[in-house]
Amino acid sequence: MRFYSSTLSIAKNKKKNHIQIRAIHINHNINLRSKEWTEHCKTICIQNQIPLIIENINLNCNINNNIEEQLRIQRYNIIYKNLYDNEILLTGHHINDQCETFILFLKRGSGPTGLSSMSFDTQFGNKNIIRPFLNITKKKLELWAKSKKLKWIEDFSNHQIDYDRNFIRNKMLPILEKRWPFFVKNCFRTTMICQKETKLLNYFLHKKIVNFIKYDESLDISNFQHMKKDMCTALIRYWLTLKKIKIPSYKNIQNIYYQMIFCRNDANPKIIIKNHAIKRYKKVLYFIKIKPNIQNMLLFWHNKNKKLKLPNNLGYLIQNKNGIILPAPHTNELINIRFQHEGRISILGRNHTRKIKKIWQEKNIPPWLRNQIPLLFYNHTFIAALGVFIVKVKNTNRNNWIVSWFNNLEIPQDYKFSFY
């Protein structure tokens, strides 16, 4: 972590070029001298009339072993939140950083996409990251900084070889460069070749995948069993790149292929990727954010003239004139919402009872959505799965009322029912 400030060379000419610059410093709070580094950044920015944002990361004691990765994720989240819509993030990554990244991906057994490492211009959400020094060596940058009499801070943790990147930087690269002086530059050339190959592959995959992606961004795999494995895994991988996540390893992509493509038709396999899951339903793959289990939750709607907020960002229920017409509760009945029910029921439009599982299947509700749909009860009497079906109530001597569920559920393409 050094503050060269990659913006300082631009700062010298910012008035001439009409460039507006802001800087951000993130204190990780893991070094005893981190406060000194913050003060250094303040001084540099004041001298060059650059607005400075200072943010702090407080390390969670429950953080996993990969501290570098966790800090990087937090750091970029903070930067993203502070970026204006019309701003570009400039970073100081150089060719040696690129070589280190390349070797890290090589260690993981990555293919051309991973070995592409960093690019000069990267999409960052709906904003951009530009790395203007990516083809310049660390040594050349240091010589330039010294010639301009720039002052910077060295983070001594960069020499702790317990971290993989530091081991590569301090142990591996000096030996490799001594043996092969052009090793770092050749690594960079390899990353450029991999980037070109990846762009070309993605160009063809983009044209092909439109035949398999449904409107809700799920992936239709109904014909994958009749396609070559390499094409299937390439399409799965490209589909996941569209989710803007860190792409799973080669091994995980293979697991997705074997577990999802060749499982039984009635199976519902899932593969966890951090806080998301890949799930299969009726020969379609879905990429689902994992939500807390609310199967055993019970909500009481004591005042039906007010909104009832639902858990898991499922929206809210409200009595109005534009929703679903339902049997109204009696005065002495408690209106309550549940998210799980088992057994046989009879719904409007049917003469016989059926297991609720079969009804969910008929309505094309995937298993992971079934426990996200509010089930309306009066005391212990099941009245309706809101937006899906209404249960036949034995006591028909009831008035009607109208309920709307405003929700954010993602539903399958072939599901025709409107939730409103």
Protein backbone atom coordinates (compact mmCIF):
# COMPACT_ATOMS: atom_id res chain seq x y z
CA MET A 1 0.00 0.00 0.00
CA ARG A 2 1.87 3.00 -1.15
CA PHE A 3 0.53 6.46 -1.75
CA TYR A 4 2.48 7.52 -4.84
CA SER A 5 -0.23 9.16 -5.68
CA SER A 6 -0.99 8.07 -9.19
CA THR A 7 -2.97 11.31 -9.52
CA LEU A 8 -0.08 13.63 -8.70
CA SER A 9 1.33 13.73 -12.23
CA ILE A 10 -2.13 14.73 -13.45
CA ALA A 11 -2.57 17.16 -10.58
CA LYS A 12 0.38 19.23 -11.78
CA ASN A 13 -1.50 19.97 -15.01
CA LYS A 14 -5.11 19.68 -13.89
CA LYS A 15 -5.87 23.35 -14.44
CA LYS A 16 -4.28 23.32 -17.87
CA ASN A 17 -6.24 20.23 -18.94
CA HIS A 18 -9.45 21.17 -17.10
CA ILE A 19 -9.35 17.89 -15.18
CA GLN A 20 -11.16 17.59 -11.85
CA ILE A 21 -9.61 15.18 -9.38
CA ARG A 22 -10.76 13.73 -6.08
CA ALA A 23 -8.76 11.27 -3.98
CA ILE A 24 -9.85 8.61 -1.53
CA HIS A 25 -7.77 7.04 1.24
CA ILE A 26 -9.03 3.93 3.02
CA ASN A 27 -7.50 3.13 6.39
CA HIS A 28 -7.56 -0.64 6.96
CA ASN A 29 -6.70 -0.17 10.64
CA ILE A 30 -4.36 -3.16 10.72
CA ASN A 31 -1.07 -1.27 10.98
CA LEU A 32 0.10 0.72 13.98
CA ARG A 33 1.27 3.51 11.67
CA SER A 34 -1.92 3.73 9.64
CA LYS A 35 -2.88 7.09 11.19
CA GLU A 36 0.45 8.53 9.98
CA TRP A 37 -0.40 7.38 6.45
CA THR A 38 -3.76 9.14 6.67
CA GLU A 39 -2.03 12.37 7.69
CA HIS A 40 0.42 11.97 4.81
CA CYS A 41 -2.46 11.70 2.34
CA LYS A 42 -4.09 14.80 3.84
CA THR A 43 -0.86 16.77 3.44
CA ILE A 44 -0.33 15.74 -0.20
CA CYS A 45 -3.91 16.54 -1.13
CA ILE A 46 -3.89 19.93 0.61
CA GLN A 47 -0.66 20.86 -1.18
CA ASN A 48 -2.20 19.98 -4.55
CA GLN A 49 -5.71 21.27 -3.78
CA ILE A 50 -7.27 17.84 -4.24
CA PRO A 51 -10.46 17.03 -2.29
CA LEU A 52 -9.81 13.96 -0.13
CA ILE A 53 -12.25 11.35 1.17
CA ILE A 54 -11.07 9.33 4.18
CA GLU A 55 -12.83 6.07 5.03
CA ASN A 56 -12.08 3.35 7.60
CA ILE A 57 -12.38 -0.42 7.53
CA ASN A 58 -12.81 -2.13 10.88
CA LEU A 59 -11.60 -5.69 10.55
CA ASN A 60 -14.23 -8.21 11.63
CA CYS A 61 -12.87 -10.66 14.18
CA ASN A 62 -14.84 -13.41 12.38
CA ILE A 63 -13.17 -12.71 9.04
CA ASN A 64 -11.89 -15.80 7.27
CA ASN A 65 -8.25 -16.59 6.54
CA ASN A 66 -8.17 -14.77 3.22
CA ILE A 67 -7.78 -11.31 4.75
CA GLU A 68 -6.38 -9.77 1.55
CA GLU A 69 -9.45 -10.77 -0.46
CA GLN A 70 -11.90 -9.62 2.21
CA LEU A 71 -10.19 -6.23 2.56
CA ARG A 72 -10.09 -5.81 -1.22
CA ILE A 73 -13.84 -6.44 -1.45
CA GLN A 74 -14.58 -3.95 1.33
CA ARG A 75 -12.19 -1.41 -0.18
CA TYR A 76 -13.79 -1.49 -3.60
CA ASN A 77 -17.30 -1.36 -2.13
CA ILE A 78 -16.36 1.81 -0.26
CA ILE A 79 -14.79 3.34 -3.38
CA TYR A 80 -17.84 2.48 -5.47
CA LYS A 81 -20.21 4.15 -3.00
CA ASN A 82 -18.15 7.34 -3.13
CA LEU A 83 -17.82 7.55 -6.92
CA TYR A 84 -19.98 10.06 -8.76
CA ASP A 85 -21.85 8.86 -11.83
CA ASN A 86 -19.60 10.77 -14.23
CA GLU A 87 -16.32 9.82 -12.52
CA ILE A 88 -13.63 7.32 -13.50
CA LEU A 89 -11.54 5.49 -10.91
CA LEU A 90 -7.81 5.68 -11.63
CA THR A 91 -5.55 3.16 -9.93
CA GLY A 92 -1.76 2.89 -9.75
CA HIS A 93 -1.42 -0.75 -10.85
CA HIS A 94 1.74 -1.36 -12.87
CA ILE A 95 3.21 -4.19 -14.94
CA ASN A 96 4.70 -5.95 -11.89
CA ASP A 97 1.26 -6.03 -10.26
CA GLN A 98 -0.06 -7.58 -13.45
CA CYS A 99 2.63 -10.26 -13.39
CA GLU A 100 1.84 -11.09 -9.74
CA THR A 101 -1.86 -11.40 -10.58
CA PHE A 102 -1.04 -13.63 -13.54
CA ILE A 103 1.02 -16.00 -11.35
CA LEU A 104 -1.74 -16.10 -8.71
CA PHE A 105 -4.27 -17.18 -11.34
CA LEU A 106 -1.75 -19.65 -12.76
CA LYS A 107 -1.44 -21.16 -9.28
CA ARG A 108 -5.22 -21.62 -9.15
CA GLY A 109 -5.27 -23.45 -12.47
CA SER A 110 -7.20 -20.72 -14.28
CA GLY A 111 -7.94 -20.69 -17.98
CA PRO A 112 -7.57 -17.80 -20.47
CA THR A 113 -10.18 -15.66 -18.70
CA GLY A 114 -8.37 -15.78 -15.36
CA LEU A 115 -4.94 -15.48 -16.97
CA SER A 116 -6.12 -12.28 -18.66
CA SER A 117 -5.60 -10.72 -15.23
CA MET A 118 -6.25 -6.95 -15.15
CA SER A 119 -7.13 -4.82 -18.17
CA PHE A 120 -6.47 -1.14 -18.83
CA ASP A 121 -10.20 -0.39 -18.73
CA THR A 122 -12.56 -2.43 -16.56
CA GLN A 123 -16.30 -2.09 -16.01
CA PHE A 124 -16.91 -1.30 -12.34
CA GLY A 125 -20.66 -1.72 -11.80
CA ASN A 126 -22.00 1.06 -14.03
CA LYS A 127 -18.72 2.98 -13.76
CA ASN A 128 -15.18 2.42 -15.08
CA ILE A 129 -11.74 1.66 -13.63
CA ILE A 130 -8.74 2.80 -15.68
CA ARG A 131 -5.19 1.62 -14.95
CA PRO A 132 -2.98 4.05 -16.86
CA PHE A 133 0.35 2.58 -15.62
CA LEU A 134 -0.41 -1.07 -16.36
CA ASN A 135 2.25 -1.38 -19.07
CA ILE A 136 4.94 0.47 -17.07
CA THR A 137 7.36 -1.35 -14.78
CA LYS A 138 7.58 -0.69 -11.07
CA LYS A 139 11.23 0.30 -11.46
CA LYS A 140 10.45 2.89 -14.12
CA LEU A 141 7.69 4.41 -11.98
CA GLU A 142 10.00 4.62 -8.98
CA LEU A 143 12.68 6.36 -11.05
CA TRP A 144 10.12 8.83 -12.33
CA ALA A 145 8.80 9.48 -8.80
CA LYS A 146 12.34 10.12 -7.52
CA SER A 147 13.10 12.47 -10.41
CA LYS A 148 10.01 14.51 -9.46
CA LYS A 149 11.04 14.37 -5.78
CA LEU A 150 7.74 12.81 -4.79
CA LYS A 151 7.33 11.48 -1.27
CA TRP A 152 5.46 8.29 -0.53
CA ILE A 153 4.75 5.81 2.22
CA GLU A 154 5.95 2.21 2.14
CA ASP A 155 3.75 -0.34 3.86
CA PHE A 156 6.16 -2.73 5.56
CA SER A 157 3.54 -5.48 5.50
CA ASN A 158 4.39 -5.76 1.78
CA HIS A 159 7.44 -7.75 2.92
CA GLN A 160 5.45 -10.31 4.91
CA ILE A 161 5.67 -13.38 2.71
CA ASP A 162 2.84 -15.17 4.51
CA TYR A 163 0.62 -13.48 1.90
CA ASP A 164 0.76 -15.17 -1.53
CA ARG A 165 1.17 -11.94 -3.47
CA ASN A 166 4.04 -10.80 -1.23
CA PHE A 167 5.72 -14.20 -1.60
CA ILE A 168 5.56 -13.86 -5.38
CA ARG A 169 6.80 -10.26 -5.23
CA ASN A 170 9.67 -10.76 -2.80
CA LYS A 171 10.79 -14.35 -3.41
CA MET A 172 9.71 -15.58 -6.82
CA LEU A 173 10.01 -12.61 -9.17
CA PRO A 174 13.58 -11.59 -8.19
CA ILE A 175 14.79 -15.14 -9.02
CA LEU A 176 12.80 -15.33 -12.25
CA GLU A 177 13.92 -11.88 -13.42
CA LYS A 178 17.54 -12.67 -12.63
CA ARG A 179 17.31 -15.79 -14.79
CA TRP A 180 15.06 -14.24 -17.48
CA PRO A 181 15.28 -10.40 -17.47
CA PHE A 182 12.20 -10.09 -19.71
CA PHE A 183 10.02 -12.42 -17.63
CA VAL A 184 7.72 -9.69 -16.27
CA LYS A 185 7.20 -8.12 -19.69
CA ASN A 186 6.54 -11.54 -21.22
CA CYS A 187 3.93 -12.22 -18.53
CA PHE A 188 2.28 -8.97 -19.51
CA ARG A 189 2.31 -10.00 -23.18
CA THR A 190 0.69 -13.32 -22.24
CA THR A 191 -2.08 -11.51 -20.37
CA MET A 192 -2.73 -9.37 -23.45
CA ILE A 193 -2.94 -12.48 -25.64
CA CYS A 194 -5.34 -14.11 -23.16
CA GLN A 195 -7.46 -10.96 -23.12
CA LYS A 196 -7.76 -10.98 -26.91
CA GLU A 197 -8.61 -14.70 -26.94
CA THR A 198 -11.21 -14.17 -24.18
CA LYS A 199 -12.82 -11.24 -26.01
CA LEU A 200 -13.04 -13.30 -29.19
CA LEU A 201 -14.54 -16.28 -27.32
CA ASN A 202 -17.04 -14.03 -25.53
CA TYR A 203 -18.06 -12.48 -28.84
CA PHE A 204 -19.14 -15.87 -30.18
CA LEU A 205 -20.63 -16.98 -26.84
CA HIS A 206 -22.70 -13.81 -26.66
CA LYS A 207 -24.22 -14.58 -30.05
CA LYS A 208 -24.94 -18.17 -29.05
CA ILE A 209 -26.21 -17.69 -25.51
CA VAL A 210 -29.17 -15.55 -26.62
CA ASN A 211 -30.78 -18.83 -27.66
CA PHE A 212 -30.62 -20.13 -24.08
CA ILE A 213 -31.17 -17.12 -21.79
CA LYS A 214 -34.76 -16.45 -20.79
CA TYR A 215 -36.25 -13.04 -20.02
CA ASP A 216 -35.59 -13.43 -16.28
CA GLU A 217 -31.89 -14.11 -17.01
CA SER A 218 -32.21 -17.81 -16.19
CA LEU A 219 -30.43 -20.36 -18.39
CA ASP A 220 -32.39 -22.93 -20.40
CA ILE A 221 -30.39 -26.18 -20.33
CA SER A 222 -33.02 -28.45 -21.88
CA ASN A 223 -30.78 -29.20 -24.89
CA PHE A 224 -27.43 -29.26 -23.06
CA GLN A 225 -27.34 -33.06 -22.86
CA HIS A 226 -27.14 -33.16 -26.65
CA MET A 227 -24.31 -30.62 -26.89
CA LYS A 228 -20.57 -31.05 -26.45
CA LYS A 229 -19.35 -30.67 -22.89
CA ASP A 230 -16.89 -27.89 -23.74
CA MET A 231 -19.65 -25.79 -25.31
CA CYS A 232 -21.95 -26.36 -22.31
CA THR A 233 -19.32 -25.37 -19.74
CA ALA A 234 -18.35 -22.32 -21.83
CA LEU A 235 -22.00 -21.20 -21.94
CA ILE A 236 -22.42 -21.76 -18.19
CA ARG A 237 -19.28 -19.77 -17.49
CA TYR A 238 -20.34 -16.93 -19.79
CA TRP A 239 -23.82 -16.90 -18.20
CA LEU A 240 -22.18 -16.42 -14.80
CA THR A 241 -20.03 -13.55 -16.10
CA LEU A 242 -23.28 -11.73 -16.84
CA LYS A 243 -24.09 -11.87 -13.11
CA LYS A 244 -21.14 -9.55 -12.34
CA ILE A 245 -19.62 -11.94 -9.83
CA LYS A 246 -16.20 -13.43 -9.36
CA ILE A 247 -16.27 -16.37 -11.75
CA PRO A 248 -16.12 -19.79 -10.06
CA SER A 249 -13.08 -21.97 -10.60
CA TYR A 250 -12.74 -24.52 -13.40
CA LYS A 251 -13.57 -27.27 -10.90
CA ASN A 252 -16.77 -25.54 -9.80
CA ILE A 253 -17.87 -25.03 -13.40
CA GLN A 254 -17.37 -28.75 -13.97
CA ASN A 255 -19.46 -29.51 -10.86
CA ILE A 256 -22.25 -27.30 -12.15
CA TYR A 257 -22.16 -29.14 -15.47
CA TYR A 258 -22.35 -32.66 -14.03
CA GLN A 259 -24.76 -31.93 -11.18
CA MET A 260 -27.17 -29.74 -13.12
CA ILE A 261 -27.21 -31.20 -16.62
CA PHE A 262 -27.36 -34.90 -15.79
CA CYS A 263 -29.48 -35.02 -12.64
CA ARG A 264 -32.95 -36.60 -12.55
CA ASN A 265 -35.78 -34.52 -13.97
CA ASP A 266 -37.47 -34.34 -10.56
CA ALA A 267 -34.25 -33.43 -8.70
CA ASN A 268 -33.62 -29.92 -7.40
CA PRO A 269 -29.83 -29.67 -7.03
CA LYS A 270 -28.09 -26.50 -5.89
CA ILE A 271 -24.52 -25.23 -5.79
CA ILE A 272 -23.58 -22.49 -3.35
CA ILE A 273 -21.38 -19.61 -4.55
CA LYS A 274 -20.78 -17.36 -1.53
CA ASN A 275 -24.12 -15.61 -0.87
CA HIS A 276 -25.79 -16.94 -4.03
CA ALA A 277 -26.94 -20.35 -5.18
CA ILE A 278 -27.29 -21.91 -8.60
CA LYS A 279 -30.47 -23.96 -8.67
CA ARG A 280 -32.20 -26.05 -11.30
CA TYR A 281 -35.94 -26.24 -11.86
CA LYS A 282 -37.59 -27.85 -14.88
CA LYS A 283 -34.38 -27.88 -16.94
CA VAL A 284 -33.66 -24.22 -16.25
CA LEU A 285 -30.79 -22.82 -14.15
CA TYR A 286 -31.43 -19.90 -11.81
CA PHE A 287 -28.91 -17.70 -10.04
CA ILE A 288 -30.52 -16.92 -6.68
CA LYS A 289 -29.48 -14.72 -3.80
CA ILE A 290 -29.58 -16.73 -0.58
CA LYS A 291 -32.09 -15.35 1.91
CA PRO A 292 -32.70 -16.10 5.59
CA ASN A 293 -35.05 -19.02 6.28
CA ILE A 294 -38.50 -17.72 7.23
CA GLN A 295 -40.43 -21.01 7.06
CA ASN A 296 -41.32 -20.89 10.75
CA MET A 297 -42.07 -17.18 10.89
CA LEU A 298 -45.53 -16.02 11.97
CA LEU A 299 -46.70 -12.42 11.38
CA PHE A 300 -49.89 -10.93 12.80
CA TRP A 301 -51.74 -8.27 10.84
CA HIS A 302 -53.51 -6.59 13.72
CA ASN A 303 -54.55 -3.43 11.90
CA LYS A 304 -55.61 -4.24 8.36
CA ASN A 305 -55.97 -0.53 7.57
CA LYS A 306 -52.19 -0.24 7.72
CA LYS A 307 -49.46 -1.80 5.59
CA LEU A 308 -47.92 -5.05 6.79
CA LYS A 309 -44.20 -5.16 6.03
CA LEU A 310 -42.89 -8.59 5.04
CA PRO A 311 -39.41 -10.03 5.80
CA ASN A 312 -36.60 -10.75 3.29
CA ASN A 313 -37.40 -7.61 1.27
CA LEU A 314 -40.59 -9.27 0.09
CA GLY A 315 -42.46 -5.98 0.07
CA TYR A 316 -45.69 -5.38 1.94
CA LEU A 317 -49.40 -6.21 2.07
CA ILE A 318 -52.06 -3.52 1.92
CA GLN A 319 -55.83 -3.42 1.79
CA ASN A 320 -56.94 -1.44 -1.28
CA LYS A 321 -59.27 -1.54 -4.28
CA ASN A 322 -56.86 -2.97 -6.87
CA GLY A 323 -55.70 -6.33 -5.51
CA ILE A 324 -57.05 -9.83 -4.99
CA ILE A 325 -60.65 -10.33 -3.86
CA LEU A 326 -60.59 -12.60 -0.79
CA PRO A 327 -63.03 -13.87 1.85
CA ALA A 328 -62.89 -11.32 4.67
CA PRO A 329 -61.99 -12.25 8.26
CA HIS A 330 -64.57 -12.20 11.01
CA THR A 331 -64.15 -9.62 13.76
CA ASN A 332 -62.88 -12.17 16.30
CA GLU A 333 -60.34 -13.81 13.92
CA LEU A 334 -56.64 -13.07 14.02
CA ILE A 335 -55.18 -12.32 10.58
CA ASN A 336 -51.77 -13.94 10.34
CA ILE A 337 -49.18 -14.59 7.65
CA ARG A 338 -47.11 -17.76 7.42
CA PHE A 339 -44.59 -19.02 4.89
CA GLN A 340 -45.02 -22.78 5.04
CA HIS A 341 -47.91 -25.23 4.90
CA GLU A 342 -48.08 -28.97 4.34
CA GLY A 343 -50.90 -31.38 3.54
CA ARG A 344 -53.87 -31.51 1.23
CA ILE A 345 -56.07 -28.53 0.38
CA SER A 346 -58.92 -27.70 -1.94
CA ILE A 347 -58.62 -24.51 -3.96
CA LEU A 348 -61.22 -22.48 -5.84
CA GLY A 349 -61.97 -23.96 -9.23
CA ARG A 350 -61.29 -27.52 -8.06
CA ASN A 351 -63.63 -30.19 -6.72
CA HIS A 352 -61.01 -32.39 -5.06
CA THR A 353 -58.18 -31.85 -2.62
CA ARG A 354 -54.56 -32.05 -3.68
CA LYS A 355 -51.23 -31.90 -1.93
CA ILE A 356 -50.02 -28.32 -1.80
CA LYS A 357 -46.70 -29.46 -3.32
CA LYS A 358 -48.58 -30.54 -6.46
CA ILE A 359 -50.34 -27.19 -6.63
CA TRP A 360 -47.04 -25.32 -6.43
CA GLN A 361 -45.77 -27.48 -9.29
CA GLU A 362 -48.88 -26.81 -11.40
CA LYS A 363 -48.40 -23.07 -10.90
CA ASN A 364 -44.72 -23.39 -11.91
CA ILE A 365 -43.48 -21.98 -8.60
CA PRO A 366 -39.84 -23.07 -8.04
CA PRO A 367 -39.11 -24.68 -4.66
CA TRP A 368 -37.04 -21.72 -3.40
CA LEU A 369 -39.94 -19.30 -3.98
CA ARG A 370 -42.58 -21.39 -2.25
CA ASN A 371 -41.42 -20.33 1.21
CA GLN A 372 -41.26 -16.69 0.14
CA ILE A 373 -44.94 -16.39 -0.77
CA PRO A 374 -47.14 -15.07 2.08
CA LEU A 375 -49.82 -17.54 3.14
CA LEU A 376 -52.89 -15.83 4.59
CA PHE A 377 -54.57 -17.42 7.63
CA TYR A 378 -57.47 -16.44 9.86
CA ASN A 379 -56.62 -18.05 13.20
CA HIS A 380 -55.57 -21.50 11.91
CA THR A 381 -57.73 -21.46 8.78
CA PHE A 382 -55.77 -21.35 5.55
CA ILE A 383 -57.30 -18.72 3.24
CA ALA A 384 -54.91 -18.07 0.35
CA ALA A 385 -51.39 -18.18 -1.03
CA LEU A 386 -51.38 -14.55 -2.08
CA GLY A 387 -51.10 -14.10 -5.81
CA VAL A 388 -51.21 -17.85 -6.48
CA PHE A 389 -54.42 -19.51 -5.29
CA ILE A 390 -57.39 -19.13 -2.92
CA VAL A 391 -58.44 -21.97 -0.65
CA LYS A 392 -62.06 -23.12 -0.49
CA VAL A 393 -63.41 -22.06 2.89
CA LYS A 394 -66.12 -24.23 4.42
CA ASN A 395 -67.93 -21.34 6.07
CA THR A 396 -69.03 -19.26 3.08
CA ASN A 397 -70.91 -16.68 5.18
CA ARG A 398 -68.17 -14.08 4.76
CA ASN A 399 -67.91 -10.66 3.20
CA ASN A 400 -65.09 -9.85 0.78
CA TRP A 401 -62.07 -7.61 1.05
CA ILE A 402 -59.28 -6.77 -1.37
CA VAL A 403 -55.58 -7.26 -0.61
CA SER A 404 -52.55 -6.30 -2.70
CA TRP A 405 -49.07 -7.73 -2.32
CA PHE A 406 -46.36 -5.38 -3.59
CA ASN A 407 -43.28 -7.56 -3.92
CA ASN A 408 -39.86 -8.03 -5.51
CA LEU A 409 -40.02 -11.75 -6.26
CA GLU A 410 -38.34 -13.00 -9.43
CA ILE A 411 -40.62 -15.53 -11.09
CA PRO A 412 -40.03 -18.02 -13.91
CA GLN A 413 -40.76 -17.01 -17.49
CA ASP A 414 -43.62 -19.44 -18.00
CA TYR A 415 -45.46 -18.33 -14.87
CA LYS A 416 -48.54 -16.46 -16.09
CA PHE A 417 -50.14 -15.29 -12.85
CA SER A 418 -49.88 -11.62 -11.91
CA PHE A 419 -49.16 -10.92 -8.26
CA TYR A 420 -51.34 -7.78 -8.37
